[in-house]
């Protein structure tokens, strides 16, 4: 059972209740699975927008590394924009979620649930301007920009979990995300059963891809 303290934070009453609190380091498998889904989603969006798929061979040879560096910076800056505009101080840092290295933006004080929902998905929403402008015929994104869009979308998997978790709070409750954890508690984004389904489907999808690639290789060898 959890209650709200004087700061309107969601606080567990007992130690055992902390098992019901959301923590990203418990969702490493979910982050990877959702990241896989977002990868295919981003490629689909590019296709629908009239853009060709990304290519590691086209453009400059250092484009993939440059895209990764730019994405890491832009992603966190976009997280920081809503709280800064709302007068909330932020800090940037580096940590690990399980074995996954991450950069983060931490809040210096609690923010409203609704503001936190915007903070969580601001990078995912903002960089959709790349395919949307292409769809509107206003420009054609370069291969580098497409890489940044795809990498940013994949990197939003943890943000989606935080969004779903905060969504379960009441509107008057607040969230204090320090960047490496939460002051108080956030409810789990979904049940353990749903978590298992998400990971199982991702594994099945990977197996299908691997089998399909193996069959294609075998066909090429036979033709030769």
N, C-alpha and C. Protein backbone atom coordinates (compact mmCIF):
# COMPACT_ATOMS: atom_id res chain seq x y z
N UNK A 1 0.84 -1.19 0.00
CA UNK A 1 0.00 0.00 0.00
C UNK A 1 0.89 1.25 0.00
N UNK A 2 0.48 2.28 -0.76
CA UNK A 2 1.24 3.51 -0.84
C UNK A 2 0.34 4.71 -0.55
N UNK A 3 0.93 5.76 -0.05
CA UNK A 3 0.21 6.99 0.23
C UNK A 3 1.01 8.16 -0.34
N UNK A 4 0.45 9.37 -0.27
CA UNK A 4 1.15 10.56 -0.70
C UNK A 4 1.70 11.30 0.52
N UNK A 5 2.96 11.77 0.43
CA UNK A 5 3.49 12.56 1.53
C UNK A 5 3.16 14.03 1.29
N UNK A 6 3.71 14.91 2.10
CA UNK A 6 3.36 16.33 2.00
C UNK A 6 3.83 16.97 0.70
N UNK A 7 4.77 16.30 0.02
CA UNK A 7 5.23 16.80 -1.29
C UNK A 7 4.39 16.23 -2.43
N UNK A 8 3.35 15.48 -2.07
CA UNK A 8 2.47 14.83 -3.05
C UNK A 8 3.17 13.70 -3.79
N UNK A 9 4.26 13.18 -3.21
CA UNK A 9 4.95 12.03 -3.81
C UNK A 9 4.28 10.74 -3.38
N UNK A 10 4.38 9.74 -4.24
CA UNK A 10 3.79 8.42 -4.00
C UNK A 10 4.77 7.63 -3.14
N UNK A 11 4.42 7.33 -1.89
CA UNK A 11 5.35 6.73 -0.94
C UNK A 11 4.85 5.37 -0.47
N UNK A 12 5.70 4.31 -0.53
CA UNK A 12 5.30 3.01 0.00
C UNK A 12 5.25 3.03 1.53
N UNK A 13 4.22 2.41 2.11
CA UNK A 13 4.08 2.39 3.57
C UNK A 13 5.00 1.37 4.23
N UNK A 14 5.22 0.25 3.56
CA UNK A 14 6.01 -0.82 4.14
C UNK A 14 7.14 -1.21 3.18
N UNK A 15 8.17 -1.84 3.72
CA UNK A 15 9.30 -2.27 2.90
C UNK A 15 8.85 -3.22 1.79
N UNK A 16 7.91 -4.11 2.12
CA UNK A 16 7.42 -5.07 1.12
C UNK A 16 6.71 -4.38 -0.03
N UNK A 17 6.16 -3.19 0.24
CA UNK A 17 5.45 -2.47 -0.81
C UNK A 17 6.40 -1.97 -1.89
N UNK A 18 7.70 -1.87 -1.57
CA UNK A 18 8.67 -1.38 -2.55
C UNK A 18 8.78 -2.32 -3.75
N UNK A 19 8.38 -3.57 -3.57
CA UNK A 19 8.39 -4.51 -4.69
C UNK A 19 7.40 -4.09 -5.77
N UNK A 20 6.43 -3.27 -5.38
CA UNK A 20 5.43 -2.80 -6.34
C UNK A 20 5.83 -1.47 -6.96
N UNK A 21 7.00 -0.95 -6.57
CA UNK A 21 7.50 0.31 -7.12
C UNK A 21 8.23 0.06 -8.44
N UNK A 22 8.14 1.02 -9.32
CA UNK A 22 8.79 0.92 -10.62
C UNK A 22 10.28 1.28 -10.51
N UNK A 23 11.13 0.46 -11.11
CA UNK A 23 12.56 0.73 -11.17
C UNK A 23 13.07 0.24 -12.52
N UNK A 24 13.72 1.13 -13.27
CA UNK A 24 14.16 0.77 -14.62
C UNK A 24 15.11 -0.42 -14.65
N UNK A 25 15.93 -0.58 -13.60
CA UNK A 25 16.91 -1.67 -13.64
C UNK A 25 16.26 -3.05 -13.54
N UNK A 26 14.98 -3.10 -13.22
CA UNK A 26 14.25 -4.37 -13.22
C UNK A 26 13.62 -4.67 -14.58
N UNK A 27 13.74 -3.72 -15.49
CA UNK A 27 13.05 -3.85 -16.78
C UNK A 27 14.02 -3.85 -17.96
N UNK A 28 15.22 -4.38 -17.73
CA UNK A 28 16.20 -4.43 -18.82
C UNK A 28 15.69 -5.20 -20.03
N UNK A 29 15.06 -6.35 -19.79
CA UNK A 29 14.51 -7.15 -20.89
C UNK A 29 13.39 -6.44 -21.61
N UNK A 30 12.55 -5.75 -20.85
CA UNK A 30 11.44 -4.99 -21.46
C UNK A 30 11.97 -3.86 -22.33
N UNK A 31 13.03 -3.18 -21.83
CA UNK A 31 13.61 -2.07 -22.59
C UNK A 31 14.16 -2.57 -23.93
N UNK A 32 14.85 -3.71 -23.91
CA UNK A 32 15.38 -4.27 -25.15
C UNK A 32 14.26 -4.70 -26.09
N UNK A 33 13.21 -5.32 -25.54
CA UNK A 33 12.09 -5.78 -26.36
C UNK A 33 11.34 -4.61 -26.99
N UNK A 34 11.03 -3.61 -26.18
CA UNK A 34 10.32 -2.44 -26.69
C UNK A 34 11.20 -1.69 -27.68
N UNK A 35 12.51 -1.66 -27.43
CA UNK A 35 13.43 -1.05 -28.37
C UNK A 35 13.39 -1.73 -29.74
N UNK A 36 13.26 -3.05 -29.74
CA UNK A 36 13.13 -3.79 -31.00
C UNK A 36 11.86 -3.40 -31.73
N UNK A 37 10.75 -3.31 -30.99
CA UNK A 37 9.49 -2.89 -31.60
C UNK A 37 9.61 -1.48 -32.17
N UNK A 38 10.25 -0.60 -31.42
CA UNK A 38 10.38 0.79 -31.87
C UNK A 38 11.29 0.90 -33.09
N UNK A 39 12.26 0.00 -33.19
CA UNK A 39 13.14 -0.01 -34.37
C UNK A 39 12.32 -0.27 -35.63
N UNK A 40 11.49 -1.30 -35.59
CA UNK A 40 10.66 -1.61 -36.76
C UNK A 40 9.60 -0.53 -36.99
N UNK A 41 9.10 0.05 -35.90
CA UNK A 41 8.13 1.14 -36.03
C UNK A 41 8.76 2.34 -36.74
N UNK A 42 10.00 2.68 -36.36
CA UNK A 42 10.66 3.84 -36.97
C UNK A 42 10.93 3.60 -38.45
N UNK A 43 11.32 2.38 -38.80
CA UNK A 43 11.53 2.07 -40.22
C UNK A 43 10.22 2.16 -41.00
N UNK A 44 9.13 1.72 -40.39
CA UNK A 44 7.82 1.82 -41.03
C UNK A 44 7.42 3.27 -41.24
N UNK A 45 7.67 4.11 -40.23
CA UNK A 45 7.35 5.54 -40.34
C UNK A 45 8.14 6.18 -41.48
N UNK A 46 9.43 5.85 -41.58
CA UNK A 46 10.25 6.38 -42.66
C UNK A 46 9.71 5.95 -44.02
N UNK A 47 9.27 4.70 -44.12
CA UNK A 47 8.73 4.18 -45.37
C UNK A 47 7.45 4.90 -45.75
N UNK A 48 6.56 5.06 -44.77
CA UNK A 48 5.29 5.74 -45.02
C UNK A 48 5.52 7.21 -45.40
N UNK A 49 6.58 7.79 -44.84
CA UNK A 49 6.88 9.21 -45.10
C UNK A 49 7.55 9.42 -46.45
N UNK A 50 7.77 8.35 -47.18
CA UNK A 50 8.38 8.47 -48.50
C UNK A 50 9.89 8.52 -48.47
N UNK A 51 10.47 8.16 -47.32
CA UNK A 51 11.92 8.15 -47.19
C UNK A 51 12.44 6.73 -47.36
N UNK A 52 13.61 6.62 -48.00
CA UNK A 52 14.23 5.30 -48.11
C UNK A 52 14.74 4.87 -46.74
N UNK A 53 14.99 3.58 -46.57
CA UNK A 53 15.53 3.10 -45.31
C UNK A 53 16.94 3.63 -45.08
N UNK A 54 17.39 3.53 -43.85
CA UNK A 54 18.74 4.00 -43.52
C UNK A 54 19.77 3.02 -44.10
N UNK A 55 20.96 3.54 -44.34
CA UNK A 55 22.03 2.71 -44.88
C UNK A 55 23.35 3.09 -44.24
N UNK A 56 24.03 2.09 -43.69
CA UNK A 56 25.33 2.34 -43.06
C UNK A 56 26.41 2.58 -44.10
N UNK A 57 26.16 2.15 -45.34
CA UNK A 57 27.17 2.27 -46.40
C UNK A 57 27.08 3.59 -47.16
N UNK A 58 25.89 4.19 -47.20
CA UNK A 58 25.75 5.45 -47.91
C UNK A 58 26.16 6.60 -47.01
N UNK A 59 26.51 7.73 -47.61
CA UNK A 59 26.95 8.86 -46.82
C UNK A 59 28.38 8.68 -46.37
N UNK A 60 28.76 9.41 -45.34
CA UNK A 60 30.13 9.35 -44.84
C UNK A 60 30.31 8.15 -43.94
N UNK A 61 31.51 7.54 -43.89
CA UNK A 61 31.73 6.32 -43.09
C UNK A 61 31.54 6.53 -41.59
N UNK A 62 31.71 7.77 -41.14
CA UNK A 62 31.57 8.03 -39.70
C UNK A 62 30.15 8.47 -39.31
N UNK A 63 29.22 8.45 -40.27
CA UNK A 63 27.84 8.86 -39.99
C UNK A 63 27.19 8.08 -38.84
N UNK A 64 27.32 6.74 -38.79
CA UNK A 64 26.68 6.02 -37.67
C UNK A 64 27.17 6.46 -36.30
N UNK A 65 28.49 6.67 -36.16
CA UNK A 65 29.04 7.11 -34.87
C UNK A 65 28.59 8.53 -34.57
N UNK A 66 28.63 9.39 -35.59
CA UNK A 66 28.19 10.77 -35.41
C UNK A 66 26.72 10.84 -35.04
N UNK A 67 25.91 9.99 -35.69
CA UNK A 67 24.48 9.95 -35.40
C UNK A 67 24.23 9.53 -33.95
N UNK A 68 25.01 8.56 -33.47
CA UNK A 68 24.85 8.09 -32.09
C UNK A 68 25.20 9.19 -31.09
N UNK A 69 26.29 9.90 -31.33
CA UNK A 69 26.71 10.98 -30.43
C UNK A 69 25.67 12.09 -30.41
N UNK A 70 25.22 12.50 -31.59
CA UNK A 70 24.22 13.56 -31.68
C UNK A 70 22.92 13.14 -31.00
N UNK A 71 22.54 11.88 -31.20
CA UNK A 71 21.29 11.39 -30.60
C UNK A 71 21.37 11.42 -29.08
N UNK A 72 22.49 10.97 -28.51
CA UNK A 72 22.65 10.97 -27.05
C UNK A 72 22.49 12.37 -26.47
N UNK A 73 23.06 13.36 -27.17
CA UNK A 73 22.98 14.74 -26.69
C UNK A 73 21.58 15.31 -26.87
N UNK A 74 21.06 15.20 -28.10
CA UNK A 74 19.75 15.78 -28.42
C UNK A 74 18.65 15.15 -27.57
N UNK A 75 18.71 13.83 -27.39
CA UNK A 75 17.68 13.12 -26.63
C UNK A 75 17.55 13.68 -25.21
N UNK A 76 18.68 13.85 -24.53
CA UNK A 76 18.65 14.34 -23.15
C UNK A 76 18.28 15.82 -23.08
N UNK A 77 18.75 16.60 -24.04
CA UNK A 77 18.39 18.02 -24.08
C UNK A 77 16.88 18.18 -24.25
N UNK A 78 16.28 17.35 -25.10
CA UNK A 78 14.83 17.42 -25.30
C UNK A 78 14.06 17.03 -24.04
N UNK A 79 14.63 16.10 -23.26
CA UNK A 79 14.03 15.77 -21.96
C UNK A 79 14.05 16.99 -21.04
N UNK A 80 15.11 17.79 -21.15
CA UNK A 80 15.30 18.91 -20.23
C UNK A 80 14.47 20.14 -20.58
N UNK A 81 14.03 20.24 -21.82
CA UNK A 81 13.32 21.46 -22.26
C UNK A 81 12.03 21.71 -21.48
N UNK A 82 11.10 20.72 -21.35
CA UNK A 82 9.85 21.00 -20.61
C UNK A 82 10.05 21.46 -19.16
N UNK A 83 10.92 20.78 -18.36
CA UNK A 83 11.10 21.26 -16.99
C UNK A 83 11.75 22.64 -16.92
N UNK A 84 12.72 22.91 -17.80
CA UNK A 84 13.39 24.22 -17.79
C UNK A 84 12.38 25.32 -18.11
N UNK A 85 11.54 25.08 -19.11
CA UNK A 85 10.51 26.06 -19.47
C UNK A 85 9.50 26.25 -18.35
N UNK A 86 9.37 25.24 -17.49
CA UNK A 86 8.43 25.31 -16.36
C UNK A 86 9.10 25.83 -15.09
N UNK A 87 10.38 26.19 -15.20
CA UNK A 87 11.09 26.75 -14.06
C UNK A 87 11.67 25.71 -13.12
N UNK A 88 11.81 24.49 -13.56
CA UNK A 88 12.36 23.43 -12.73
C UNK A 88 13.82 23.19 -13.12
N UNK A 89 14.72 23.21 -12.14
CA UNK A 89 16.12 22.98 -12.41
C UNK A 89 16.39 21.52 -12.77
N UNK A 90 17.38 21.29 -13.62
CA UNK A 90 17.74 19.92 -14.03
C UNK A 90 19.24 19.72 -13.90
N UNK A 91 19.65 18.46 -13.91
CA UNK A 91 21.07 18.14 -13.95
C UNK A 91 21.26 16.94 -14.88
N UNK A 92 22.40 16.92 -15.56
CA UNK A 92 22.72 15.86 -16.49
C UNK A 92 23.75 14.93 -15.85
N UNK A 93 23.71 13.63 -16.23
CA UNK A 93 24.66 12.69 -15.66
C UNK A 93 24.71 11.41 -16.46
N UNK A 94 25.50 10.46 -15.94
CA UNK A 94 25.69 9.15 -16.58
C UNK A 94 25.53 8.07 -15.51
N UNK A 95 24.87 6.98 -15.88
CA UNK A 95 24.68 5.86 -14.94
C UNK A 95 24.52 4.57 -15.75
N UNK A 96 24.26 3.48 -15.04
CA UNK A 96 24.02 2.19 -15.68
C UNK A 96 22.71 1.63 -15.17
N UNK A 97 21.90 1.10 -16.10
CA UNK A 97 20.67 0.40 -15.74
C UNK A 97 20.95 -1.08 -15.97
N UNK A 98 21.23 -1.81 -14.90
CA UNK A 98 21.71 -3.17 -15.08
C UNK A 98 23.08 -3.09 -15.74
N UNK A 99 23.20 -3.64 -16.96
CA UNK A 99 24.44 -3.56 -17.71
C UNK A 99 24.36 -2.54 -18.84
N UNK A 100 23.23 -1.83 -18.93
CA UNK A 100 23.03 -0.87 -20.01
C UNK A 100 23.53 0.52 -19.58
N UNK A 101 24.51 1.10 -20.30
CA UNK A 101 24.97 2.46 -19.98
C UNK A 101 23.96 3.49 -20.47
N UNK A 102 23.67 4.49 -19.67
CA UNK A 102 22.70 5.51 -20.06
C UNK A 102 23.15 6.89 -19.58
N UNK A 103 22.78 7.91 -20.35
CA UNK A 103 22.90 9.29 -19.90
C UNK A 103 21.51 9.70 -19.42
N UNK A 104 21.46 10.63 -18.50
CA UNK A 104 20.15 10.96 -17.94
C UNK A 104 20.02 12.44 -17.62
N UNK A 105 18.77 12.87 -17.45
CA UNK A 105 18.45 14.20 -16.95
C UNK A 105 17.68 14.01 -15.65
N UNK A 106 18.14 14.63 -14.59
CA UNK A 106 17.47 14.52 -13.29
C UNK A 106 16.81 15.83 -12.92
N UNK A 107 15.68 15.76 -12.21
CA UNK A 107 14.97 16.95 -11.75
C UNK A 107 15.47 17.34 -10.36
N UNK A 108 15.57 18.62 -10.09
CA UNK A 108 16.02 19.10 -8.79
C UNK A 108 14.88 19.22 -7.78
N UNK A 109 13.66 19.02 -8.24
CA UNK A 109 12.51 19.02 -7.33
C UNK A 109 11.36 18.27 -8.00
N UNK A 110 10.33 17.92 -7.24
CA UNK A 110 9.20 17.19 -7.83
C UNK A 110 8.48 18.02 -8.89
N UNK A 111 7.93 17.33 -9.88
CA UNK A 111 7.11 17.99 -10.90
C UNK A 111 5.74 17.32 -10.94
N UNK A 112 4.77 17.99 -11.50
CA UNK A 112 3.44 17.43 -11.59
C UNK A 112 3.43 16.20 -12.48
N UNK A 113 2.48 15.33 -12.27
CA UNK A 113 2.38 14.13 -13.09
C UNK A 113 2.27 14.48 -14.57
N UNK A 114 1.42 15.47 -14.90
CA UNK A 114 1.21 15.82 -16.30
C UNK A 114 2.46 16.37 -16.95
N UNK A 115 3.22 17.17 -16.19
CA UNK A 115 4.48 17.68 -16.74
C UNK A 115 5.46 16.54 -16.94
N UNK A 116 5.49 15.60 -16.02
CA UNK A 116 6.41 14.48 -16.15
C UNK A 116 6.06 13.60 -17.36
N UNK A 117 4.78 13.45 -17.63
CA UNK A 117 4.37 12.69 -18.82
C UNK A 117 4.94 13.33 -20.08
N UNK A 118 4.92 14.66 -20.12
CA UNK A 118 5.48 15.38 -21.27
C UNK A 118 7.00 15.23 -21.32
N UNK A 119 7.64 15.32 -20.16
CA UNK A 119 9.10 15.17 -20.09
C UNK A 119 9.52 13.80 -20.61
N UNK A 120 8.77 12.77 -20.24
CA UNK A 120 9.13 11.40 -20.61
C UNK A 120 9.13 11.17 -22.12
N UNK A 121 8.16 11.73 -22.81
CA UNK A 121 8.02 11.43 -24.24
C UNK A 121 8.42 12.59 -25.14
N UNK A 122 8.97 13.67 -24.58
CA UNK A 122 9.32 14.83 -25.42
C UNK A 122 10.34 14.49 -26.51
N UNK A 123 11.39 13.67 -26.26
CA UNK A 123 12.29 13.33 -27.36
C UNK A 123 11.60 12.51 -28.45
N UNK A 124 10.77 11.55 -28.04
CA UNK A 124 10.09 10.69 -29.00
C UNK A 124 9.16 11.51 -29.89
N UNK A 125 8.43 12.44 -29.30
CA UNK A 125 7.49 13.26 -30.06
C UNK A 125 8.22 14.30 -30.91
N UNK A 126 9.24 14.93 -30.36
CA UNK A 126 9.91 16.04 -31.04
C UNK A 126 10.58 15.62 -32.34
N UNK A 127 11.31 14.51 -32.31
CA UNK A 127 12.07 14.12 -33.51
C UNK A 127 11.22 13.48 -34.59
N UNK A 128 9.91 13.33 -34.32
CA UNK A 128 9.03 12.89 -35.39
C UNK A 128 8.82 13.99 -36.42
N UNK A 129 9.38 15.17 -36.13
CA UNK A 129 9.34 16.26 -37.11
C UNK A 129 10.11 15.87 -38.37
N UNK A 130 11.12 14.98 -38.23
CA UNK A 130 11.93 14.58 -39.39
C UNK A 130 11.08 13.87 -40.45
N UNK A 131 10.36 12.77 -40.11
CA UNK A 131 9.53 12.14 -41.13
C UNK A 131 8.29 12.98 -41.49
N UNK A 132 7.77 13.76 -40.54
CA UNK A 132 6.57 14.55 -40.82
C UNK A 132 6.84 15.63 -41.86
N UNK A 133 7.98 16.31 -41.77
CA UNK A 133 8.34 17.32 -42.76
C UNK A 133 8.55 16.69 -44.13
N UNK A 134 9.10 15.49 -44.14
CA UNK A 134 9.29 14.79 -45.41
C UNK A 134 7.94 14.39 -46.01
N UNK A 135 7.04 13.93 -45.13
CA UNK A 135 5.71 13.54 -45.59
C UNK A 135 4.97 14.73 -46.18
N UNK A 136 5.19 15.90 -45.60
CA UNK A 136 4.54 17.12 -46.09
C UNK A 136 5.22 17.67 -47.34
N UNK A 137 6.31 17.04 -47.75
CA UNK A 137 7.02 17.47 -48.95
C UNK A 137 7.87 18.71 -48.76
N UNK A 138 8.18 19.06 -47.49
CA UNK A 138 8.93 20.28 -47.21
C UNK A 138 10.44 20.06 -47.30
N UNK A 139 10.89 18.84 -47.12
CA UNK A 139 12.30 18.53 -47.27
C UNK A 139 12.49 17.03 -47.34
N UNK A 140 13.69 16.61 -47.70
CA UNK A 140 14.02 15.19 -47.72
C UNK A 140 15.19 14.96 -46.79
N UNK A 141 14.96 14.21 -45.74
CA UNK A 141 15.97 14.01 -44.71
C UNK A 141 17.19 13.28 -45.26
N UNK A 142 18.36 13.66 -44.78
CA UNK A 142 19.59 12.98 -45.16
C UNK A 142 19.69 11.65 -44.43
N UNK A 143 20.62 10.82 -44.85
CA UNK A 143 20.82 9.53 -44.21
C UNK A 143 21.19 9.71 -42.74
N UNK A 144 21.97 10.76 -42.43
CA UNK A 144 22.38 11.03 -41.05
C UNK A 144 21.16 11.36 -40.19
N UNK A 145 20.27 12.20 -40.70
CA UNK A 145 19.07 12.57 -39.94
C UNK A 145 18.16 11.36 -39.73
N UNK A 146 18.09 10.50 -40.73
CA UNK A 146 17.28 9.28 -40.58
C UNK A 146 17.86 8.37 -39.50
N UNK A 147 19.18 8.27 -39.45
CA UNK A 147 19.83 7.48 -38.40
C UNK A 147 19.50 8.05 -37.03
N UNK A 148 19.59 9.39 -36.92
CA UNK A 148 19.29 10.05 -35.64
C UNK A 148 17.86 9.77 -35.23
N UNK A 149 16.94 9.84 -36.18
CA UNK A 149 15.53 9.58 -35.89
C UNK A 149 15.33 8.15 -35.38
N UNK A 150 15.93 7.18 -36.07
CA UNK A 150 15.77 5.78 -35.68
C UNK A 150 16.40 5.52 -34.32
N UNK A 151 17.61 6.02 -34.10
CA UNK A 151 18.29 5.80 -32.82
C UNK A 151 17.53 6.46 -31.67
N UNK A 152 17.01 7.65 -31.91
CA UNK A 152 16.24 8.34 -30.87
C UNK A 152 14.96 7.58 -30.53
N UNK A 153 14.33 7.04 -31.55
CA UNK A 153 13.10 6.28 -31.33
C UNK A 153 13.38 5.01 -30.52
N UNK A 154 14.44 4.30 -30.90
CA UNK A 154 14.83 3.10 -30.14
C UNK A 154 15.16 3.47 -28.69
N UNK A 155 15.87 4.59 -28.51
CA UNK A 155 16.29 5.02 -27.19
C UNK A 155 15.15 5.50 -26.31
N UNK A 156 13.96 5.59 -26.86
CA UNK A 156 12.80 6.03 -26.09
C UNK A 156 12.06 4.88 -25.41
N UNK A 157 12.62 3.66 -25.49
CA UNK A 157 11.93 2.51 -24.91
C UNK A 157 11.76 2.65 -23.39
N UNK A 158 12.84 3.09 -22.72
CA UNK A 158 12.73 3.32 -21.28
C UNK A 158 11.80 4.46 -20.95
N UNK A 159 11.78 5.49 -21.82
CA UNK A 159 10.89 6.63 -21.61
C UNK A 159 9.42 6.20 -21.65
N UNK A 160 9.12 5.27 -22.54
CA UNK A 160 7.75 4.78 -22.64
C UNK A 160 7.34 4.07 -21.35
N UNK A 161 8.26 3.31 -20.77
CA UNK A 161 7.97 2.64 -19.50
C UNK A 161 7.68 3.65 -18.39
N UNK A 162 8.49 4.73 -18.35
CA UNK A 162 8.27 5.76 -17.34
C UNK A 162 6.96 6.50 -17.57
N UNK A 163 6.62 6.71 -18.83
CA UNK A 163 5.35 7.34 -19.18
C UNK A 163 4.17 6.49 -18.68
N UNK A 164 4.23 5.20 -18.97
CA UNK A 164 3.14 4.30 -18.56
C UNK A 164 3.04 4.22 -17.04
N UNK A 165 4.20 4.27 -16.38
CA UNK A 165 4.21 4.21 -14.92
C UNK A 165 3.57 5.47 -14.33
N UNK A 166 4.00 6.64 -14.80
CA UNK A 166 3.45 7.90 -14.29
C UNK A 166 1.98 8.06 -14.64
N UNK A 167 1.57 7.45 -15.74
CA UNK A 167 0.18 7.55 -16.18
C UNK A 167 -0.77 6.92 -15.16
N UNK A 168 -0.26 6.02 -14.35
CA UNK A 168 -1.10 5.34 -13.36
C UNK A 168 -1.27 6.16 -12.08
N UNK A 169 -0.55 7.27 -11.97
CA UNK A 169 -0.70 8.15 -10.82
C UNK A 169 -1.95 9.03 -10.98
N UNK A 170 -2.42 9.57 -9.88
CA UNK A 170 -3.51 10.54 -9.93
C UNK A 170 -2.95 11.88 -10.40
N UNK A 171 -3.79 12.70 -11.00
CA UNK A 171 -3.32 13.95 -11.60
C UNK A 171 -2.69 14.90 -10.58
N UNK A 172 -3.14 14.84 -9.32
CA UNK A 172 -2.60 15.74 -8.31
C UNK A 172 -1.28 15.25 -7.72
N UNK A 173 -0.88 14.02 -8.02
CA UNK A 173 0.37 13.48 -7.50
C UNK A 173 1.56 13.99 -8.29
N UNK A 174 2.72 13.97 -7.65
CA UNK A 174 3.93 14.49 -8.28
C UNK A 174 4.98 13.40 -8.45
N UNK A 175 5.94 13.71 -9.31
CA UNK A 175 7.03 12.76 -9.59
C UNK A 175 8.35 13.48 -9.39
N UNK A 176 9.28 12.83 -8.69
CA UNK A 176 10.62 13.38 -8.54
C UNK A 176 11.61 12.38 -9.10
N UNK A 177 11.99 12.60 -10.34
CA UNK A 177 12.95 11.74 -11.03
C UNK A 177 14.33 12.36 -10.88
N UNK A 178 15.18 11.72 -10.10
CA UNK A 178 16.52 12.25 -9.87
C UNK A 178 17.49 11.91 -11.00
N UNK A 179 17.03 11.09 -11.92
CA UNK A 179 17.88 10.66 -13.03
C UNK A 179 18.43 9.27 -12.81
N UNK A 180 18.66 8.90 -11.55
CA UNK A 180 19.16 7.56 -11.22
C UNK A 180 18.13 6.79 -10.39
N UNK A 181 16.97 7.36 -10.23
CA UNK A 181 15.90 6.72 -9.45
C UNK A 181 14.82 7.73 -9.13
N UNK A 182 13.87 7.30 -8.33
CA UNK A 182 12.76 8.16 -7.97
C UNK A 182 12.72 8.39 -6.47
N UNK A 183 12.49 9.63 -6.09
CA UNK A 183 12.18 9.91 -4.69
C UNK A 183 10.73 9.48 -4.50
N UNK A 184 10.48 8.66 -3.51
CA UNK A 184 9.14 8.12 -3.37
C UNK A 184 9.01 6.86 -4.20
N UNK A 185 7.93 6.74 -4.92
CA UNK A 185 7.65 5.50 -5.64
C UNK A 185 6.75 5.79 -6.83
N UNK A 186 6.99 5.08 -7.90
CA UNK A 186 6.07 5.07 -9.04
C UNK A 186 5.53 3.66 -9.17
N UNK A 187 4.24 3.52 -9.47
CA UNK A 187 3.69 2.17 -9.64
C UNK A 187 4.28 1.50 -10.87
N UNK A 188 4.26 0.18 -10.88
CA UNK A 188 4.73 -0.56 -12.05
C UNK A 188 3.92 -0.15 -13.29
N UNK A 189 4.57 -0.08 -14.45
CA UNK A 189 3.85 0.34 -15.66
C UNK A 189 2.79 -0.66 -16.11
N UNK A 190 3.02 -1.94 -15.80
CA UNK A 190 2.07 -2.99 -16.14
C UNK A 190 2.41 -4.23 -15.32
N UNK A 191 1.59 -5.24 -15.43
CA UNK A 191 1.78 -6.45 -14.62
C UNK A 191 2.96 -7.28 -15.10
N UNK A 192 3.42 -8.18 -14.25
CA UNK A 192 4.51 -9.09 -14.62
C UNK A 192 4.12 -9.98 -15.79
N UNK A 193 2.84 -10.33 -15.88
CA UNK A 193 2.38 -11.17 -16.98
C UNK A 193 2.52 -10.45 -18.32
N UNK A 194 2.15 -9.16 -18.34
CA UNK A 194 2.30 -8.39 -19.58
C UNK A 194 3.78 -8.25 -19.93
N UNK A 195 4.62 -8.06 -18.91
CA UNK A 195 6.06 -7.97 -19.14
C UNK A 195 6.58 -9.24 -19.81
N UNK A 196 6.11 -10.39 -19.35
CA UNK A 196 6.53 -11.66 -19.92
C UNK A 196 6.09 -11.78 -21.38
N UNK A 197 4.88 -11.34 -21.66
CA UNK A 197 4.35 -11.40 -23.03
C UNK A 197 5.18 -10.50 -23.96
N UNK A 198 5.50 -9.30 -23.49
CA UNK A 198 6.29 -8.36 -24.29
C UNK A 198 7.63 -8.97 -24.67
N UNK A 199 8.29 -9.59 -23.71
CA UNK A 199 9.61 -10.19 -23.97
C UNK A 199 9.50 -11.44 -24.82
N UNK A 200 8.46 -12.23 -24.60
CA UNK A 200 8.29 -13.47 -25.37
C UNK A 200 8.05 -13.16 -26.85
N UNK A 201 7.22 -12.18 -27.13
CA UNK A 201 6.95 -11.81 -28.53
C UNK A 201 8.22 -11.30 -29.20
N UNK A 202 9.03 -10.55 -28.46
CA UNK A 202 10.29 -10.03 -29.02
C UNK A 202 11.23 -11.18 -29.37
N UNK A 203 11.30 -12.19 -28.50
CA UNK A 203 12.16 -13.36 -28.75
C UNK A 203 11.67 -14.11 -30.00
N UNK A 204 10.37 -14.30 -30.10
CA UNK A 204 9.80 -14.98 -31.26
C UNK A 204 10.11 -14.20 -32.54
N UNK A 205 9.96 -12.88 -32.46
CA UNK A 205 10.24 -12.03 -33.62
C UNK A 205 11.71 -12.14 -34.04
N UNK A 206 12.61 -12.16 -33.07
CA UNK A 206 14.03 -12.32 -33.37
C UNK A 206 14.32 -13.67 -34.02
N UNK A 207 13.69 -14.72 -33.51
CA UNK A 207 13.89 -16.05 -34.08
C UNK A 207 13.41 -16.10 -35.53
N UNK A 208 12.29 -15.47 -35.80
CA UNK A 208 11.76 -15.42 -37.18
C UNK A 208 12.75 -14.72 -38.09
N UNK A 209 13.31 -13.61 -37.62
CA UNK A 209 14.27 -12.84 -38.42
C UNK A 209 15.52 -13.67 -38.68
N UNK A 210 16.03 -14.34 -37.64
CA UNK A 210 17.24 -15.16 -37.79
C UNK A 210 17.01 -16.31 -38.76
N UNK A 211 15.88 -16.99 -38.62
CA UNK A 211 15.55 -18.10 -39.53
C UNK A 211 15.42 -17.60 -40.97
N UNK A 212 14.77 -16.46 -41.13
CA UNK A 212 14.58 -15.90 -42.47
C UNK A 212 15.93 -15.54 -43.10
N UNK A 213 16.83 -14.96 -42.30
CA UNK A 213 18.16 -14.62 -42.81
C UNK A 213 18.93 -15.88 -43.18
N UNK A 214 18.82 -16.92 -42.37
CA UNK A 214 19.52 -18.18 -42.65
C UNK A 214 19.01 -18.81 -43.94
N UNK A 215 17.70 -18.77 -44.16
CA UNK A 215 17.13 -19.32 -45.38
C UNK A 215 17.58 -18.54 -46.61
N UNK A 216 17.66 -17.22 -46.49
CA UNK A 216 18.11 -16.39 -47.60
C UNK A 216 19.56 -16.70 -47.96
N UNK A 217 20.40 -16.89 -46.95
CA UNK A 217 21.80 -17.23 -47.19
C UNK A 217 21.91 -18.57 -47.88
N UNK A 218 21.10 -19.54 -47.44
CA UNK A 218 21.12 -20.88 -48.03
C UNK A 218 20.70 -20.83 -49.49
N UNK A 219 19.69 -20.02 -49.79
CA UNK A 219 19.20 -19.89 -51.17
C UNK A 219 20.27 -19.30 -52.06
N UNK A 220 20.98 -18.28 -51.56
CA UNK A 220 22.06 -17.64 -52.33
C UNK A 220 23.18 -18.63 -52.62
N UNK A 221 23.54 -19.43 -51.62
CA UNK A 221 24.61 -20.42 -51.80
C UNK A 221 24.21 -21.47 -52.84
N UNK A 222 22.97 -21.91 -52.78
CA UNK A 222 22.49 -22.91 -53.73
C UNK A 222 22.50 -22.35 -55.14
N UNK A 223 22.09 -21.09 -55.31
CA UNK A 223 22.07 -20.48 -56.64
C UNK A 223 23.46 -20.35 -57.21
N UNK A 224 24.40 -20.05 -56.34
CA UNK A 224 25.78 -19.92 -56.83
C UNK A 224 26.35 -21.28 -57.25
